[in-house]
């Protein structure tokens, strides 16, 4: 391990203007409409642009590839595109690329969970080289957010027969601030600054992602200064960092926009009884989980939407552990010491926390007479063998949280399908109707009430056991200048960063 870290240090000396990062897994597809794993999404965000994006505080939508945009009426958006935007190969970006991206993502040949975001689009028309008219079938509350999706190059992909297995996915061409220079699986992914980036060339020449599956190795590389930016776990922060480290790194801590949950495979008979799911929920001491795993650098998650947003329901309280009632519910469902309830929890080792989390859950559930087996897997194997084929009893997983949620993607029965994000097979006719009604509701106060009602229904149904929202503890080498923390994090102005 020492030799490995020394090698990285030598590489750093060769490129003084290289930002060194780590990723825990190999990216599956560096294609914005197919990137569903965190590694692919993170790297693709440097390579591609959408028509619009959030500002640094995630409160206002501003132009990205679009110079300006406006509603012609409540179902029609006009986008005026920026001129002289170049693809990484030098070809000019224009409105035909947007039309092509739309047609591609709604194609039946594509299996992408993001396609559901475009389900209300009636037409995408190029009025001229730099003007688009997008008509929706009805008013849609996320009509602008839809166009944060990265745009694909028509001239590269127009003759592609199978985008799912295309070489483009590992050799992408985008419009972003960086372009792909090297992709070595399980080793290194190198991006280089795009000299022709429309917002000005990034000041750091290269970004090097080191693929390091082992979390302890990532931590040691960070401590040694081989990595410029990284995340640290609460235990590491509290017990394994000294004053010398804190003198070299700036610390940014905030509640993350993600939560971890235990999801039941509701297609399986054993989890269809709501008494069983409630019993399992009452067996869990979530506060203990947060205390042991995070030293209180986290909070208990009470439901599916981000706290302090208009979708969050503060009236839904943390479930309190109740061993006696949990045993009674299991007995009513037909389980006791002679007929014990058993199931497996599957998760990935890509997070150093989750393997410990499942052990604590196993211990807590044993108190109500439930026998739990554990399966901890490498990330890609976990996705391909467990998550995507729905081959699990339960999964310990996490989702990112948006300030403007789209319940359709995760909670509508339509998305219990291959490539969909309704991984657990949740079906509730009342919820489906509420979601469908909310999609065309543009009154934010009315929408807020609907989201809060959905929040409570989902929690009461227990398709997931919502567990915790960790704090994000990001450390940045003080050699990186111009970092400006904001409500959305630190990455909003990375083009302006410099490295001394």
Protein backbone atom coordinates (compact mmCIF):
# COMPACT_ATOMS: atom_id res chain seq x y z
CA UNK A 1 0.00 0.00 0.00
CA UNK A 2 2.91 2.37 0.86
CA UNK A 3 4.47 1.76 -2.58
CA UNK A 4 1.11 2.47 -4.21
CA UNK A 5 0.69 5.78 -2.38
CA UNK A 6 4.31 6.72 -3.23
CA UNK A 7 3.58 6.06 -6.92
CA UNK A 8 0.56 8.39 -6.80
CA UNK A 9 2.71 11.07 -5.15
CA UNK A 10 5.26 10.80 -7.98
CA UNK A 11 2.47 11.17 -10.55
CA UNK A 12 1.27 14.32 -8.74
CA UNK A 13 4.70 15.89 -9.05
CA UNK A 14 4.60 15.41 -12.82
CA UNK A 15 1.36 17.37 -13.17
CA UNK A 16 1.25 20.30 -10.74
CA UNK A 17 -2.10 21.43 -12.14
CA UNK A 18 -3.91 18.14 -11.63
CA UNK A 19 -6.85 17.77 -9.27
CA UNK A 20 -6.59 14.32 -7.70
CA UNK A 21 -9.85 12.63 -6.67
CA UNK A 22 -10.96 9.08 -5.96
CA UNK A 23 -13.94 7.06 -6.99
CA UNK A 24 -14.88 3.78 -5.34
CA UNK A 25 -16.02 1.99 -8.49
CA UNK A 26 -15.43 1.88 -12.22
CA UNK A 27 -17.94 4.03 -14.11
CA UNK A 28 -20.43 1.86 -15.97
CA UNK A 29 -21.43 4.30 -18.72
CA UNK A 30 -20.18 7.87 -19.14
CA UNK A 31 -23.37 8.80 -20.95
CA UNK A 32 -25.71 11.24 -19.18
CA UNK A 33 -28.91 9.46 -20.20
CA UNK A 34 -27.56 6.06 -19.07
CA UNK A 35 -25.41 7.03 -16.06
CA UNK A 36 -27.24 5.61 -13.04
CA UNK A 37 -24.34 4.75 -10.72
CA UNK A 38 -22.69 7.51 -8.70
CA UNK A 39 -19.26 7.14 -10.32
CA UNK A 40 -20.63 7.48 -13.85
CA UNK A 41 -22.88 10.40 -12.90
CA UNK A 42 -20.09 12.28 -11.14
CA UNK A 43 -17.60 11.96 -14.00
CA UNK A 44 -20.21 12.62 -16.70
CA UNK A 45 -21.12 15.89 -14.99
CA UNK A 46 -17.70 17.27 -15.98
CA UNK A 47 -18.17 16.16 -19.60
CA UNK A 48 -21.72 17.20 -20.50
CA UNK A 49 -24.09 20.16 -20.11
CA UNK A 50 -27.85 20.48 -20.00
CA UNK A 51 -29.88 23.36 -21.35
CA UNK A 52 -30.33 24.69 -17.80
CA UNK A 53 -28.91 24.12 -14.32
CA UNK A 54 -29.45 25.24 -10.74
CA UNK A 55 -27.62 28.25 -9.38
CA UNK A 56 -25.08 27.74 -6.59
CA UNK A 57 -27.78 27.66 -3.91
CA UNK A 58 -30.06 25.27 -5.85
CA UNK A 59 -32.83 27.85 -5.52
CA UNK A 60 -33.07 29.27 -9.05
CA UNK A 61 -32.84 27.68 -12.49
CA UNK A 62 -30.38 29.46 -14.78
CA UNK A 63 -29.13 28.90 -18.30
CA UNK A 64 -26.39 26.42 -19.14
CA UNK A 65 -26.36 25.66 -22.88
CA UNK A 66 -29.36 27.97 -23.10
CA UNK A 67 -28.69 31.71 -23.27
CA UNK A 68 -32.26 32.46 -22.24
CA UNK A 69 -35.58 30.69 -21.85
CA UNK A 70 -39.18 31.67 -21.23
CA UNK A 71 -42.70 30.25 -21.11
CA UNK A 72 -44.76 31.18 -24.15
CA UNK A 73 -47.75 29.77 -22.27
CA UNK A 74 -48.17 27.23 -19.45
CA UNK A 75 -47.31 24.30 -21.72
CA UNK A 76 -44.73 25.82 -24.08
CA UNK A 77 -41.09 26.73 -23.39
CA UNK A 78 -38.83 28.63 -25.79
CA UNK A 79 -35.08 28.08 -25.43
CA UNK A 80 -32.56 30.41 -27.06
CA UNK A 81 -29.24 28.57 -27.25
CA UNK A 82 -25.75 29.97 -26.73
CA UNK A 83 -23.77 30.40 -29.93
CA UNK A 84 -20.27 29.13 -30.62
CA UNK A 85 -20.56 26.21 -28.19
CA UNK A 86 -18.28 23.42 -29.40
CA UNK A 87 -18.35 19.70 -28.85
CA UNK A 88 -15.08 18.22 -27.64
CA UNK A 89 -14.22 17.20 -31.21
CA UNK A 90 -14.65 20.78 -32.47
CA UNK A 91 -18.06 20.40 -34.10
CA UNK A 92 -20.63 23.10 -33.28
CA UNK A 93 -23.49 22.42 -30.89
CA UNK A 94 -26.96 23.49 -32.07
CA UNK A 95 -30.65 22.82 -31.63
CA UNK A 96 -30.58 19.61 -33.69
CA UNK A 97 -28.54 17.99 -30.92
CA UNK A 98 -31.32 18.70 -28.42
CA UNK A 99 -33.98 17.22 -30.72
CA UNK A 100 -31.77 14.17 -31.23
CA UNK A 101 -31.24 13.71 -27.47
CA UNK A 102 -34.97 13.88 -26.85
CA UNK A 103 -35.75 11.31 -29.57
CA UNK A 104 -33.01 9.06 -28.23
CA UNK A 105 -34.13 9.08 -24.62
CA UNK A 106 -37.76 8.28 -25.47
CA UNK A 107 -36.75 5.52 -27.90
CA UNK A 108 -37.95 2.01 -26.96
CA UNK A 109 -34.38 0.85 -27.68
CA UNK A 110 -33.18 2.73 -24.59
CA UNK A 111 -33.60 1.50 -21.03
CA UNK A 112 -33.15 4.62 -18.92
CA UNK A 113 -34.95 5.62 -15.71
CA UNK A 114 -34.58 9.23 -16.83
CA UNK A 115 -36.94 8.74 -19.77
CA UNK A 116 -39.91 9.08 -17.41
CA UNK A 117 -39.01 12.76 -16.93
CA UNK A 118 -39.92 13.36 -20.58
CA UNK A 119 -43.26 11.55 -20.54
CA UNK A 120 -45.28 14.79 -20.69
CA UNK A 121 -43.35 16.27 -23.60
CA UNK A 122 -45.53 16.42 -26.68
CA UNK A 123 -42.97 17.78 -29.13
CA UNK A 124 -39.48 19.23 -29.39
CA UNK A 125 -39.08 21.44 -32.44
CA UNK A 126 -36.03 23.21 -33.81
CA UNK A 127 -37.24 26.64 -34.99
CA UNK A 128 -33.76 27.52 -36.18
CA UNK A 129 -30.17 26.64 -35.37
CA UNK A 130 -30.31 28.32 -31.98
CA UNK A 131 -34.00 28.26 -31.04
CA UNK A 132 -36.14 25.44 -29.67
CA UNK A 133 -39.85 25.21 -28.98
CA UNK A 134 -40.85 22.52 -26.48
CA UNK A 135 -44.53 21.79 -26.03
CA UNK A 136 -45.89 19.79 -23.08
CA UNK A 137 -49.10 17.77 -23.17
CA UNK A 138 -50.20 19.57 -20.01
CA UNK A 139 -48.64 21.84 -17.40
CA UNK A 140 -45.80 20.00 -15.64
CA UNK A 141 -44.21 21.22 -12.41
CA UNK A 142 -40.72 20.02 -13.43
CA UNK A 143 -40.82 21.07 -17.06
CA UNK A 144 -37.62 23.14 -16.74
CA UNK A 145 -35.72 20.66 -14.55
CA UNK A 146 -36.23 18.05 -17.26
CA UNK A 147 -33.76 19.94 -19.43
CA UNK A 148 -30.92 19.66 -16.93
CA UNK A 149 -30.26 16.32 -18.63
CA UNK A 150 -26.94 16.24 -20.47
CA UNK A 151 -27.26 16.74 -24.23
CA UNK A 152 -25.81 14.19 -26.69
CA UNK A 153 -24.01 14.90 -30.02
CA UNK A 154 -26.15 14.01 -33.03
CA UNK A 155 -23.19 13.97 -35.43
CA UNK A 156 -21.49 11.22 -33.39
CA UNK A 157 -24.49 9.04 -32.57
CA UNK A 158 -27.03 9.46 -35.37
CA UNK A 159 -26.02 6.15 -37.00
CA UNK A 160 -25.56 4.24 -33.73
CA UNK A 161 -27.66 1.07 -33.73
CA UNK A 162 -27.36 0.17 -30.04
CA UNK A 163 -26.56 3.01 -27.68
CA UNK A 164 -26.79 0.71 -24.65
CA UNK A 165 -23.57 -1.07 -25.70
CA UNK A 166 -22.01 1.73 -27.75
CA UNK A 167 -18.30 2.58 -27.55
CA UNK A 168 -19.50 6.14 -26.90
CA UNK A 169 -20.32 5.15 -23.33
CA UNK A 170 -16.63 4.72 -22.55
CA UNK A 171 -15.37 7.27 -25.09
CA UNK A 172 -17.82 10.15 -24.71
CA UNK A 173 -17.89 13.46 -26.57
CA UNK A 174 -19.59 16.27 -24.69
CA UNK A 175 -19.60 20.06 -24.39
CA UNK A 176 -18.36 20.18 -20.79
CA UNK A 177 -15.47 21.96 -19.10
CA UNK A 178 -13.40 18.76 -19.27
CA UNK A 179 -13.03 16.00 -21.81
CA UNK A 180 -12.05 12.38 -21.38
CA UNK A 181 -8.35 11.69 -21.93
CA UNK A 182 -7.87 8.24 -20.43
CA UNK A 183 -10.08 5.53 -18.98
CA UNK A 184 -8.31 2.60 -17.37
CA UNK A 185 -10.75 0.41 -15.48
CA UNK A 186 -9.75 -0.22 -11.87
CA UNK A 187 -6.86 2.22 -12.26
CA UNK A 188 -7.28 5.78 -13.43
CA UNK A 189 -9.70 8.05 -15.28
CA UNK A 190 -8.12 11.27 -16.51
CA UNK A 191 -10.00 14.32 -17.75
CA UNK A 192 -8.28 17.28 -19.40
CA UNK A 193 -9.49 20.86 -19.59
CA UNK A 194 -11.53 21.76 -22.66
CA UNK A 195 -9.65 24.66 -24.27
CA UNK A 196 -12.82 25.75 -26.08
CA UNK A 197 -15.25 25.59 -23.15
CA UNK A 198 -17.95 28.21 -23.68
CA UNK A 199 -17.69 29.57 -20.14
CA UNK A 200 -13.90 29.83 -20.30
CA UNK A 201 -11.19 27.23 -19.90
CA UNK A 202 -10.98 25.60 -16.47
CA UNK A 203 -7.95 26.85 -14.55
CA UNK A 204 -6.93 23.36 -13.38
CA UNK A 205 -5.53 21.44 -16.33
CA UNK A 206 -6.45 17.88 -15.41
CA UNK A 207 -8.72 15.89 -13.13
CA UNK A 208 -7.50 12.43 -12.22
CA UNK A 209 -9.97 9.98 -10.69
CA UNK A 210 -8.16 7.10 -8.98
CA UNK A 211 -10.39 4.02 -8.82
CA UNK A 212 -9.93 2.79 -5.26
CA UNK A 213 -12.50 0.28 -4.02
CA UNK A 214 -11.10 0.02 -0.50
CA UNK A 215 -12.26 2.87 1.72
CA UNK A 216 -9.24 2.60 4.05
CA UNK A 217 -6.86 3.01 1.11
CA UNK A 218 -8.79 6.10 0.02
CA UNK A 219 -8.50 7.50 3.53
CA UNK A 220 -4.74 6.82 3.74
CA UNK A 221 -4.20 8.48 0.36
CA UNK A 222 -6.09 11.53 1.60
CA UNK A 223 -4.04 11.69 4.80
CA UNK A 224 -0.80 11.40 2.84
CA UNK A 225 -1.74 14.31 0.56
CA UNK A 226 -2.01 12.10 -2.51
CA UNK A 227 -5.64 13.16 -2.93
CA UNK A 228 -6.78 16.80 -3.02
CA UNK A 229 -10.45 16.39 -2.13
CA UNK A 230 -12.20 13.58 -0.36
CA UNK A 231 -14.86 12.58 2.09
CA UNK A 232 -14.10 11.36 5.57
CA UNK A 233 -16.28 9.19 7.73
CA UNK A 234 -17.31 10.46 11.17
CA UNK A 235 -15.16 7.88 12.98
CA UNK A 236 -12.15 8.96 10.95
CA UNK A 237 -12.92 12.61 11.63
CA UNK A 238 -13.32 12.08 15.38
CA UNK A 239 -10.58 9.52 16.03
CA UNK A 240 -8.03 9.30 13.23
CA UNK A 241 -7.15 12.85 12.17
CA UNK A 242 -4.61 15.05 13.93
CA UNK A 243 -3.77 18.75 14.05
CA UNK A 244 -1.30 18.38 11.20
CA UNK A 245 -4.09 17.16 8.91
CA UNK A 246 -6.42 20.00 9.89
CA UNK A 247 -3.65 22.51 9.18
CA UNK A 248 -3.41 21.24 5.59
CA UNK A 249 -7.10 20.74 4.76
CA UNK A 250 -10.23 22.88 4.95
CA UNK A 251 -13.27 21.07 6.33
CA UNK A 252 -16.80 21.55 4.95
CA UNK A 253 -19.57 19.76 6.83
CA UNK A 254 -23.27 19.90 6.02
CA UNK A 255 -26.23 17.57 5.96
CA UNK A 256 -26.04 15.57 2.76
CA UNK A 257 -28.74 15.50 0.11
CA UNK A 258 -29.12 11.75 0.38
CA UNK A 259 -30.56 9.09 2.65
CA UNK A 260 -29.99 5.41 3.32
CA UNK A 261 -32.86 2.95 3.56
CA UNK A 262 -33.64 -0.74 3.90
CA UNK A 263 -35.91 -1.62 1.00
CA UNK A 264 -38.24 -4.64 1.04
CA UNK A 265 -38.83 -6.63 -2.15
CA UNK A 266 -42.60 -6.26 -2.09
CA UNK A 267 -42.96 -8.78 -4.91
CA UNK A 268 -42.13 -11.50 -2.38
CA UNK A 269 -44.94 -13.00 -0.35
CA UNK A 270 -43.12 -12.68 2.98
CA UNK A 271 -43.06 -8.88 2.75
CA UNK A 272 -46.61 -8.31 1.50
CA UNK A 273 -48.08 -8.40 5.01
CA UNK A 274 -47.97 -4.81 6.39
CA UNK A 275 -47.77 -6.20 9.95
CA UNK A 276 -44.43 -7.80 9.12
CA UNK A 277 -43.01 -4.56 7.72
CA UNK A 278 -44.28 -2.57 10.71
CA UNK A 279 -42.78 -5.12 13.12
CA UNK A 280 -39.39 -4.86 11.43
CA UNK A 281 -39.60 -1.08 11.60
CA UNK A 282 -40.41 -1.12 15.32
CA UNK A 283 -37.43 -3.41 15.97
CA UNK A 284 -34.97 -0.79 14.69
CA UNK A 285 -33.43 1.80 16.99
CA UNK A 286 -32.53 4.44 14.44
CA UNK A 287 -31.06 6.83 17.00
CA UNK A 288 -28.66 4.11 18.11
CA UNK A 289 -27.72 3.52 14.48
CA UNK A 290 -26.85 7.19 14.01
CA UNK A 291 -24.91 7.34 17.27
CA UNK A 292 -22.83 4.22 16.64
CA UNK A 293 -22.14 4.73 12.94
CA UNK A 294 -21.81 8.49 12.76
CA UNK A 295 -20.93 9.81 16.23
CA UNK A 296 -23.99 12.02 15.67
CA UNK A 297 -22.64 13.43 12.38
CA UNK A 298 -26.00 12.41 10.87
CA UNK A 299 -29.72 12.55 11.59
CA UNK A 300 -32.49 10.00 11.46
CA UNK A 301 -34.36 9.96 8.17
CA UNK A 302 -38.12 10.13 8.65
CA UNK A 303 -39.23 9.85 5.03
CA UNK A 304 -38.53 10.17 1.32
CA UNK A 305 -38.12 13.93 0.81
CA UNK A 306 -35.40 16.36 1.81
CA UNK A 307 -35.74 18.13 5.20
CA UNK A 308 -36.34 21.89 5.16
CA UNK A 309 -38.01 21.77 1.74
CA UNK A 310 -41.66 22.25 0.80
CA UNK A 311 -41.99 18.48 0.31
CA UNK A 312 -40.88 17.52 3.82
CA UNK A 313 -43.56 16.59 6.36
CA UNK A 314 -42.42 17.62 9.86
CA UNK A 315 -45.47 15.95 11.43
CA UNK A 316 -44.08 12.49 10.63
CA UNK A 317 -41.99 11.54 13.63
CA UNK A 318 -39.12 9.12 14.11
CA UNK A 319 -40.40 5.57 14.78
CA UNK A 320 -39.58 4.60 18.35
CA UNK A 321 -38.19 1.13 18.95
CA UNK A 322 -40.88 -1.08 20.57
CA UNK A 323 -39.74 -4.68 20.95
CA UNK A 324 -42.94 -5.86 22.65
CA UNK A 325 -45.27 -4.51 19.95
CA UNK A 326 -42.94 -5.77 17.19
CA UNK A 327 -43.15 -9.32 18.60
CA UNK A 328 -46.95 -9.06 18.86
CA UNK A 329 -47.25 -7.97 15.23
CA UNK A 330 -45.00 -10.82 14.08
CA UNK A 331 -47.10 -13.28 16.06
CA UNK A 332 -50.29 -11.92 14.46
CA UNK A 333 -48.59 -12.46 11.09
CA UNK A 334 -47.91 -16.11 12.00
CA UNK A 335 -44.28 -15.97 13.16
CA UNK A 336 -42.85 -17.07 16.51
CA UNK A 337 -39.91 -19.05 17.91
CA UNK A 338 -41.13 -22.21 16.17
CA UNK A 339 -41.73 -20.46 12.86
CA UNK A 340 -39.10 -17.73 12.77
CA UNK A 341 -39.15 -14.95 10.22
CA UNK A 342 -35.93 -14.97 8.19
CA UNK A 343 -34.60 -12.81 5.37
CA UNK A 344 -31.39 -11.54 3.78
CA UNK A 345 -30.03 -8.01 3.60
CA UNK A 346 -27.86 -7.32 0.54
CA UNK A 347 -25.64 -4.26 0.25
CA UNK A 348 -22.40 -3.02 -1.30
CA UNK A 349 -18.96 -2.44 0.18
CA UNK A 350 -18.56 0.78 -1.82
CA UNK A 351 -19.43 2.62 1.39
CA UNK A 352 -17.41 1.81 4.49
CA UNK A 353 -20.48 2.52 6.63
CA UNK A 354 -23.07 0.17 5.13
CA UNK A 355 -21.36 -3.16 5.94
CA UNK A 356 -21.39 -2.07 9.60
CA UNK A 357 -24.96 -0.77 9.33
CA UNK A 358 -26.28 -4.17 8.24
CA UNK A 359 -24.53 -5.84 11.18
CA UNK A 360 -26.26 -3.47 13.60
CA UNK A 361 -29.61 -4.11 11.90
CA UNK A 362 -28.99 -7.85 12.15
CA UNK A 363 -28.30 -7.48 15.88
CA UNK A 364 -31.35 -5.28 16.53
CA UNK A 365 -33.72 -7.56 14.60
CA UNK A 366 -32.50 -10.58 16.54
CA UNK A 367 -34.18 -9.03 19.61
CA UNK A 368 -37.62 -9.74 18.12
CA UNK A 369 -36.72 -13.27 17.02
CA UNK A 370 -35.92 -12.45 13.39
CA UNK A 371 -32.96 -14.20 11.75
CA UNK A 372 -31.09 -12.05 9.22
CA UNK A 373 -28.33 -13.18 6.87
CA UNK A 374 -26.02 -10.67 5.22
CA UNK A 375 -24.60 -10.36 1.72
CA UNK A 376 -22.01 -7.63 1.11
CA UNK A 377 -20.86 -7.31 -2.49
CA UNK A 378 -18.66 -5.25 -4.81
CA UNK A 379 -20.70 -2.37 -6.26
CA UNK A 380 -21.02 -3.43 -9.90
CA UNK A 381 -21.80 -7.02 -8.97
CA UNK A 382 -24.38 -5.73 -6.48
CA UNK A 383 -26.08 -3.63 -9.17
CA UNK A 384 -25.95 -6.22 -11.94
CA UNK A 385 -26.74 -9.35 -9.93
CA UNK A 386 -29.01 -8.03 -7.18
CA UNK A 387 -30.50 -4.57 -7.72
CA UNK A 388 -31.31 -4.43 -11.43
CA UNK A 389 -32.75 -7.99 -11.70
CA UNK A 390 -34.64 -7.46 -8.40
CA UNK A 391 -33.02 -10.60 -7.00
CA UNK A 392 -33.13 -9.76 -3.30
CA UNK A 393 -35.12 -10.01 -0.10
CA UNK A 394 -34.04 -6.57 1.07
CA UNK A 395 -31.39 -4.07 -0.01
CA UNK A 396 -29.56 -1.44 1.98
CA UNK A 397 -29.20 1.40 -0.48
CA UNK A 398 -29.38 5.16 -0.73
CA UNK A 399 -30.93 7.83 -2.93
CA UNK A 400 -29.93 11.39 -3.60
CA UNK A 401 -32.50 13.98 -2.58
CA UNK A 402 -33.69 16.93 -4.64
CA UNK A 403 -35.22 20.12 -3.29
CA UNK A 404 -37.93 19.56 -5.92
CA UNK A 405 -38.70 15.82 -5.78
CA UNK A 406 -40.31 13.75 -8.49
CA UNK A 407 -42.22 11.00 -6.66
CA UNK A 408 -43.16 9.43 -9.98
CA UNK A 409 -39.67 8.02 -10.52
CA UNK A 410 -39.52 6.13 -7.22
CA UNK A 411 -43.08 5.58 -6.01
CA UNK A 412 -45.38 5.19 -9.04
CA UNK A 413 -46.21 1.62 -10.05
CA UNK A 414 -45.29 2.47 -13.68
CA UNK A 415 -41.65 2.46 -12.62
CA UNK A 416 -41.72 -1.07 -11.28
CA UNK A 417 -40.00 -2.17 -14.46
CA UNK A 418 -36.60 -2.96 -15.91
CA UNK A 419 -34.43 0.12 -15.59
CA UNK A 420 -36.95 1.85 -13.32
CA UNK A 421 -36.16 3.34 -9.92
CA UNK A 422 -39.13 1.69 -8.16
CA UNK A 423 -36.74 -1.08 -7.16
CA UNK A 424 -38.90 -2.59 -4.42
CA UNK A 425 -42.07 -2.95 -6.50
CA UNK A 426 -44.18 -0.50 -4.48
CA UNK A 427 -47.81 -0.33 -5.66
CA UNK A 428 -50.50 1.88 -4.16
CA UNK A 429 -53.39 3.01 -6.36
CA UNK A 430 -54.09 6.05 -4.19
CA UNK A 431 -50.45 7.07 -4.41
CA UNK A 432 -50.43 6.60 -8.20
CA UNK A 433 -53.43 8.94 -8.53
CA UNK A 434 -51.91 11.54 -6.22
CA UNK A 435 -48.64 11.48 -8.13
CA UNK A 436 -50.44 11.81 -11.47
CA UNK A 437 -52.43 14.77 -10.20
CA UNK A 438 -49.34 16.43 -8.78
CA UNK A 439 -47.48 16.26 -12.09
CA UNK A 440 -49.70 18.92 -13.64
CA UNK A 441 -49.99 21.05 -10.51
CA UNK A 442 -47.99 24.25 -10.85
CA UNK A 443 -49.35 25.94 -7.72
CA UNK A 444 -46.39 25.44 -5.36
CA UNK A 445 -48.44 25.71 -2.17
CA UNK A 446 -50.93 23.10 -3.35
CA UNK A 447 -48.06 20.94 -4.53
CA UNK A 448 -46.38 21.26 -1.14
CA UNK A 449 -49.47 19.91 0.60
CA UNK A 450 -49.70 17.01 -1.86
CA UNK A 451 -46.04 16.10 -1.31
CA UNK A 452 -46.49 16.16 2.46
CA UNK A 453 -49.53 13.86 2.16
CA UNK A 454 -47.50 11.48 -0.05
CA UNK A 455 -44.67 11.59 2.48
CA UNK A 456 -46.97 10.29 5.23
CA UNK A 457 -48.62 7.61 3.08
CA UNK A 458 -45.26 6.22 1.97
CA UNK A 459 -43.92 6.13 5.52
CA UNK A 460 -47.10 4.46 6.82
CA UNK A 461 -46.86 1.79 4.11
CA UNK A 462 -43.26 0.90 5.05
CA UNK A 463 -41.98 -0.09 1.59
CA UNK A 464 -38.66 1.13 2.97
CA UNK A 465 -37.36 1.51 6.46
CA UNK A 466 -35.97 5.03 6.26
CA UNK A 467 -32.80 5.00 8.35
CA UNK A 468 -30.43 7.97 8.27
CA UNK A 469 -29.28 11.09 6.47
CA UNK A 470 -25.51 11.36 6.93
CA UNK A 471 -23.62 14.59 7.15
CA UNK A 472 -21.29 15.20 4.24
CA UNK A 473 -17.80 15.88 5.58
CA UNK A 474 -15.66 17.08 2.69
CA UNK A 475 -12.00 17.93 3.09
CA UNK A 476 -10.20 20.13 0.56
CA UNK A 477 -6.45 20.62 0.38
CA UNK A 478 -5.63 24.24 1.11
CA UNK A 479 -3.58 24.30 -2.10
CA UNK A 480 -6.92 24.45 -3.95
CA UNK A 481 -7.94 28.11 -4.21
CA UNK A 482 -11.27 29.84 -5.00
CA UNK A 483 -13.44 27.15 -3.39
CA UNK A 484 -16.75 28.78 -2.44
CA UNK A 485 -19.04 26.65 -0.25
CA UNK A 486 -22.75 27.14 -0.88
CA UNK A 487 -26.07 25.46 -0.16
CA UNK A 488 -25.42 23.10 -3.07
CA UNK A 489 -21.91 22.21 -1.88
CA UNK A 490 -18.51 23.22 -3.20
CA UNK A 491 -18.54 22.14 -6.84
CA UNK A 492 -20.64 24.89 -8.44
CA UNK A 493 -17.58 26.99 -9.45
CA UNK A 494 -14.92 24.32 -10.04
CA UNK A 495 -14.00 25.98 -13.35
CA UNK A 496 -12.57 28.87 -11.31
CA UNK A 497 -10.49 26.73 -8.99
CA UNK A 498 -6.72 26.97 -9.02
CA UNK A 499 -4.09 24.71 -7.53
CA UNK A 500 -0.91 26.18 -6.12
